[in-house]
C-alpha atoms as a PDB file:
ATOM      1  CA  MET A   1      18.916  20.892   9.659  1.00  0.00           C
ATOM      2  CA  SER A   2      22.581  20.293  10.509  1.00  0.00           C
ATOM      3  CA  ALA A   3      24.233  16.888  10.672  1.00  0.00           C
ATOM      4  CA  VAL A   4      24.370  17.132  14.467  1.00  0.00           C
ATOM      5  CA  GLU A   5      20.651  17.906  14.665  1.00  0.00           C
ATOM      6  CA  PHE A   6      19.925  15.073  12.244  1.00  0.00           C
ATOM      7  CA  TRP A   7      21.630  12.443  14.362  1.00  0.00           C
ATOM      8  CA  ASN A   8      20.400  13.628  17.741  1.00  0.00           C
ATOM      9  CA  GLY A   9      18.262  11.111  19.618  1.00  0.00           C
ATOM     10  CA  LYS A  10      14.847  12.495  18.671  1.00  0.00           C
ATOM     11  CA  VAL A  11      15.388  12.765  14.921  1.00  0.00           C
ATOM     12  CA  HIS A  12      17.200   9.441  14.730  1.00  0.00           C
ATOM     13  CA  MET A  13      14.477   7.738  16.801  1.00  0.00           C
ATOM     14  CA  ASN A  14      11.746   9.144  14.553  1.00  0.00           C
ATOM     15  CA  LEU A  15      13.522   7.807  11.478  1.00  0.00           C
ATOM     16  CA  CYS A  16      13.783   4.382  13.130  1.00  0.00           C
ATOM     17  CA  LYS A  17      10.071   4.418  13.983  1.00  0.00           C
ATOM     18  CA  TYR A  18       9.068   5.382  10.439  1.00  0.00           C
ATOM     19  CA  PHE A  19      11.412   2.809   8.915  1.00  0.00           C
ATOM     20  CA  SER A  20      10.150   0.098  11.291  1.00  0.00           C
ATOM     21  CA  LEU A  21       6.539   0.913  10.412  1.00  0.00           C
ATOM     22  CA  ALA A  22       7.323   0.712   6.696  1.00  0.00           C
ATOM     23  CA  ILE A  23       9.178  -2.593   7.074  1.00  0.00           C
ATOM     24  CA  LEU A  24       6.319  -4.089   9.133  1.00  0.00           C
ATOM     25  CA  ILE A  25       3.700  -3.155   6.515  1.00  0.00           C
ATOM     26  CA  PHE A  26       5.966  -4.382   3.715  1.00  0.00           C
ATOM     27  CA  ILE A  27       6.578  -7.764   5.364  1.00  0.00           C
ATOM     28  CA  ILE A  28       2.895  -8.351   6.198  1.00  0.00           C
ATOM     29  CA  ASP A  29       1.882  -7.462   2.633  1.00  0.00           C
ATOM     30  CA  ARG A  30       4.519  -9.666   0.984  1.00  0.00           C
ATOM     31  CA  ILE A  31       3.855 -12.665   3.234  1.00  0.00           C
ATOM     32  CA  SER A  32       0.079 -12.383   2.832  1.00  0.00           C
ATOM     33  CA  LYS A  33       0.412 -12.305  -0.962  1.00  0.00           C
ATOM     34  CA  ILE A  34       2.771 -15.294  -0.983  1.00  0.00           C
ATOM     35  CA  VAL A  35       0.344 -17.265   1.192  1.00  0.00           C
ATOM     36  CA  ALA A  36      -2.610 -16.249  -0.994  1.00  0.00           C
ATOM     37  CA  LEU A  37      -0.761 -17.290  -4.149  1.00  0.00           C
ATOM     38  CA  ARG A  38       0.145 -20.674  -2.647  1.00  0.00           C
ATOM     39  CA  TRP A  39      -3.160 -21.552  -0.988  1.00  0.00           C
ATOM     40  CA  CYS A  40      -5.840 -19.739  -2.977  1.00  0.00           C
ATOM     41  CA  ALA A  41      -4.482 -19.371  -6.505  1.00  0.00           C
ATOM     42  CA  ASP A  42      -6.566 -22.185  -7.972  1.00  0.00           C
ATOM     43  CA  ALA A  43      -9.774 -21.828  -5.975  1.00  0.00           C
ATOM     44  CA  ALA A  44     -11.385 -19.482  -3.495  1.00  0.00           C
ATOM     45  CA  CYS A  45     -10.682 -20.146   0.181  1.00  0.00           C
ATOM     46  CA  THR A  46     -13.830 -19.408   2.160  1.00  0.00           C
ATOM     47  CA  ILE A  47     -13.361 -18.708   5.866  1.00  0.00           C
ATOM     48  CA  ASN A  48     -16.981 -17.845   6.661  1.00  0.00           C
ATOM     49  CA  GLN A  49     -19.928 -16.001   5.085  1.00  0.00           C
ATOM     50  CA  TYR A  50     -18.164 -12.660   5.597  1.00  0.00           C
ATOM     51  CA  LEU A  51     -14.548 -13.394   4.643  1.00  0.00           C
ATOM     52  CA  SER A  52     -13.003 -15.296   1.786  1.00  0.00           C
ATOM     53  CA  PHE A  53      -9.811 -15.219  -0.240  1.00  0.00           C
ATOM     54  CA  GLU A  54      -9.607 -15.447  -4.009  1.00  0.00           C
ATOM     55  CA  VAL A  55      -6.557 -14.343  -5.966  1.00  0.00           C
ATOM     56  CA  THR A  56      -7.152 -11.847  -8.759  1.00  0.00           C
ATOM     57  CA  LEU A  57      -4.691  -9.841 -10.826  1.00  0.00           C
ATOM     58  CA  ASN A  58      -5.650  -6.159 -10.878  1.00  0.00           C
ATOM     59  CA  ARG A  59      -4.080  -4.290 -13.804  1.00  0.00           C
ATOM     60  CA  GLY A  60      -5.938  -1.084 -13.002  1.00  0.00           C
ATOM     61  CA  ILE A  61      -6.173   1.009  -9.864  1.00  0.00           C
ATOM     62  CA  SER A  62      -8.350   0.698  -6.753  1.00  0.00           C
ATOM     63  CA  TRP A  63     -11.281  -1.694  -7.071  1.00  0.00           C
ATOM     64  CA  GLY A  64     -10.222  -2.656 -10.573  1.00  0.00           C
ATOM     65  CA  MET A  65     -11.045   0.750 -12.038  1.00  0.00           C
ATOM     66  CA  LEU A  66      -9.161   1.431 -15.266  1.00  0.00           C
ATOM     67  CA  HIS A  67      -8.403  -2.300 -15.548  1.00  0.00           C
ATOM     68  CA  GLN A  68      -6.573  -2.698 -18.821  1.00  0.00           C
ATOM     69  CA  THR A  69      -5.490  -5.633 -20.895  1.00  0.00           C
ATOM     70  CA  THR A  70      -3.257  -3.514 -23.127  1.00  0.00           C
ATOM     71  CA  ASP A  71       0.349  -3.143 -22.016  1.00  0.00           C
ATOM     72  CA  THR A  72       0.550   0.503 -23.088  1.00  0.00           C
ATOM     73  CA  THR A  73      -2.269   1.612 -20.801  1.00  0.00           C
ATOM     74  CA  PHE A  74      -0.965  -0.596 -17.977  1.00  0.00           C
ATOM     75  CA  VAL A  75       2.472   1.032 -18.231  1.00  0.00           C
ATOM     76  CA  LEU A  76       0.897   4.504 -18.361  1.00  0.00           C
ATOM     77  CA  VAL A  77      -1.207   3.837 -15.236  1.00  0.00           C
ATOM     78  CA  SER A  78       1.868   2.395 -13.491  1.00  0.00           C
ATOM     79  CA  PHE A  79       3.872   5.510 -14.417  1.00  0.00           C
ATOM     80  CA  VAL A  80       1.167   7.795 -13.008  1.00  0.00           C
ATOM     81  CA  ILE A  81       1.099   5.778  -9.763  1.00  0.00           C
ATOM     82  CA  THR A  82       4.899   5.933  -9.536  1.00  0.00           C
ATOM     83  CA  THR A  83       4.852   9.696 -10.097  1.00  0.00           C
ATOM     84  CA  ILE A  84       2.217  10.243  -7.403  1.00  0.00           C
ATOM     85  CA  THR A  85       4.222   8.068  -5.007  1.00  0.00           C
ATOM     86  CA  ALA A  86       7.383  10.083  -5.725  1.00  0.00           C
ATOM     87  CA  LEU A  87       5.516  13.351  -5.111  1.00  0.00           C
ATOM     88  CA  LEU A  88       4.219  11.974  -1.820  1.00  0.00           C
ATOM     89  CA  CYS A  89       7.812  11.059  -0.864  1.00  0.00           C
ATOM     90  CA  TRP A  90       8.836  14.658  -1.548  1.00  0.00           C
ATOM     91  CA  ASP A  91       5.951  15.965   0.563  1.00  0.00           C
ATOM     92  CA  ALA A  92       6.891  13.552   3.366  1.00  0.00           C
ATOM     93  CA  TYR A  93      10.472  14.830   3.281  1.00  0.00           C
ATOM     94  CA  ARG A  94       9.301  18.458   3.416  1.00  0.00           C
ATOM     95  CA  ASN A  95       7.060  17.702   6.393  1.00  0.00           C
ATOM     96  CA  TYR A  96       9.761  15.692   8.135  1.00  0.00           C
ATOM     97  CA  VAL A  97      12.341  18.500   8.010  1.00  0.00           C
ATOM     98  CA  ARG A  98       9.671  20.769   9.508  1.00  0.00           C
ATOM     99  CA  ASN A  99       9.398  18.317  12.443  1.00  0.00           C
ATOM    100  CA  LYS A 100       5.900  17.217  11.456  1.00  0.00           C
ATOM    101  CA  SER A 101       4.744  13.634  11.758  1.00  0.00           C
ATOM    102  CA  ILE A 102       4.744  11.695   8.496  1.00  0.00           C
ATOM    103  CA  VAL A 103       3.018   8.536   9.684  1.00  0.00           C
ATOM    104  CA  GLY A 104       0.235   8.859   7.098  1.00  0.00           C
ATOM    105  CA  HIS A 105       2.765   9.495   4.334  1.00  0.00           C
ATOM    106  CA  VAL A 106       4.883   6.476   5.318  1.00  0.00           C
ATOM    107  CA  ILE A 107       1.872   4.165   5.381  1.00  0.00           C
ATOM    108  CA  ILE A 108       0.637   5.316   1.950  1.00  0.00           C
ATOM    109  CA  ILE A 109       4.103   5.209   0.371  1.00  0.00           C
ATOM    110  CA  THR A 110       4.765   1.698   1.698  1.00  0.00           C
ATOM    111  CA  GLY A 111       1.424   0.401   0.408  1.00  0.00           C
ATOM    112  CA  SER A 112       2.028   1.997  -2.955  1.00  0.00           C
ATOM    113  CA  VAL A 113       5.543   0.559  -3.237  1.00  0.00           C
ATOM    114  CA  CYS A 114       4.215  -2.911  -2.357  1.00  0.00           C
ATOM    115  CA  ASN A 115       1.646  -2.687  -5.161  1.00  0.00           C
ATOM    116  CA  LEU A 116       4.234  -1.281  -7.595  1.00  0.00           C
ATOM    117  CA  ILE A 117       6.428  -4.302  -6.852  1.00  0.00           C
ATOM    118  CA  ASP A 118       3.474  -6.539  -7.782  1.00  0.00           C
ATOM    119  CA  ARG A 119       3.048  -4.621 -11.032  1.00  0.00           C
ATOM    120  CA  ALA A 120       6.696  -5.240 -11.887  1.00  0.00           C
ATOM    121  CA  LEU A 121       6.789  -8.902 -10.794  1.00  0.00           C
ATOM    122  CA  TYR A 122       3.350 -10.144 -11.866  1.00  0.00           C
ATOM    123  CA  GLY A 123       2.080  -7.649 -14.441  1.00  0.00           C
ATOM    124  CA  GLY A 124      -0.629  -6.481 -12.035  1.00  0.00           C
ATOM    125  CA  VAL A 125      -1.464  -6.178  -8.355  1.00  0.00           C
ATOM    126  CA  ILE A 126      -2.264  -9.354  -6.427  1.00  0.00           C
ATOM    127  CA  ASP A 127      -5.633  -8.791  -4.718  1.00  0.00           C
ATOM    128  CA  PHE A 128      -7.206 -11.563  -2.678  1.00  0.00           C
ATOM    129  CA  ILE A 129      -9.282 -10.402   0.313  1.00  0.00           C
ATOM    130  CA  ILE A 130     -13.056 -10.446  -0.152  1.00  0.00           C
ATOM    131  CA  LEU A 131     -15.417  -9.070   2.483  1.00  0.00           C
ATOM    132  CA  SER A 132     -19.122  -9.646   2.013  1.00  0.00           C
ATOM    133  CA  TYR A 133     -22.417  -9.368   3.809  1.00  0.00           C
ATOM    134  CA  ASN A 134     -25.550 -11.020   2.422  1.00  0.00           C
ATOM    135  CA  ARG A 135     -25.611 -10.082  -1.281  1.00  0.00           C
ATOM    136  CA  TYR A 136     -23.142  -7.226  -0.889  1.00  0.00           C
ATOM    137  CA  SER A 137     -19.442  -7.674  -1.499  1.00  0.00           C
ATOM    138  CA  TRP A 138     -16.595  -5.195  -1.121  1.00  0.00           C
ATOM    139  CA  PRO A 139     -14.218  -5.075  -4.100  1.00  0.00           C
ATOM    140  CA  VAL A 140     -11.249  -7.459  -3.790  1.00  0.00           C
ATOM    141  CA  PHE A 141      -8.235  -5.877  -2.059  1.00  0.00           C
ATOM    142  CA  ASN A 142      -4.948  -6.644  -0.277  1.00  0.00           C
ATOM    143  CA  VAL A 143      -2.919  -5.536   2.755  1.00  0.00           C
ATOM    144  CA  ALA A 144      -1.164  -2.762   0.806  1.00  0.00           C
ATOM    145  CA  ASP A 145      -4.556  -1.366  -0.197  1.00  0.00           C
ATOM    146  CA  MET A 146      -5.593  -1.347   3.475  1.00  0.00           C
ATOM    147  CA  ALA A 147      -2.399   0.538   4.309  1.00  0.00           C
ATOM    148  CA  ILE A 148      -3.068   3.131   1.608  1.00  0.00           C
ATOM    149  CA  VAL A 149      -6.624   3.707   2.840  1.00  0.00           C
ATOM    150  CA  CYS A 150      -5.470   3.995   6.476  1.00  0.00           C
ATOM    151  CA  GLY A 151      -2.711   6.426   5.480  1.00  0.00           C
ATOM    152  CA  VAL A 152      -5.147   8.598   3.533  1.00  0.00           C
ATOM    153  CA  LEU A 153      -7.552   8.636   6.492  1.00  0.00           C
ATOM    154  CA  ILE A 154      -4.691   9.706   8.776  1.00  0.00           C
ATOM    155  CA  LEU A 155      -3.793  12.545   6.397  1.00  0.00           C
ATOM    156  CA  ILE A 156      -7.414  13.668   6.182  1.00  0.00           C
ATOM    157  CA  PHE A 157      -8.531  13.355   9.796  1.00  0.00           C
ATOM    158  CA  VAL A 158      -5.402  13.584  11.942  1.00  0.00           C
ATOM    159  CA  ASP A 159      -3.534  16.835  12.262  1.00  0.00           C
ATOM    160  CA  GLU A 160      -0.003  15.497  12.022  1.00  0.00           C
ATOM    161  CA  LYS A 161       2.171  17.855  14.051  1.00  0.00           C
END
């Protein structure tokens, strides 16, 4: 791709759309975590029988799997997540230069970066959203986790052309 092709309207507009999407997800995630830390850090905030907020620090991966108290394992898990995110960035770049949509990639990468920032700032990921129905409760999650799941679903079910 030449410099002229890169800066033509279509390519430049696509970059703006992807960047705007990433910034939107990033801002919503950061603000929601700040609000959760301020309002629900000491006690759960119950909205109704289906939705509540309770801040937890997840030092593992999704749904608290591989939750570790040791710093060595935490750093190792964080390194693996960073490596996977970097590989996804490379795949997004390869797809982008082939004029394929990278919406799913952008959403996953942004969610992952948001959670990596938490790992660096707080020593774990700030999770706070709890969905429940009767006796059943979904594992605690956050906006970045929702973004990652949505991005994965897009990659699986949508043929990004």
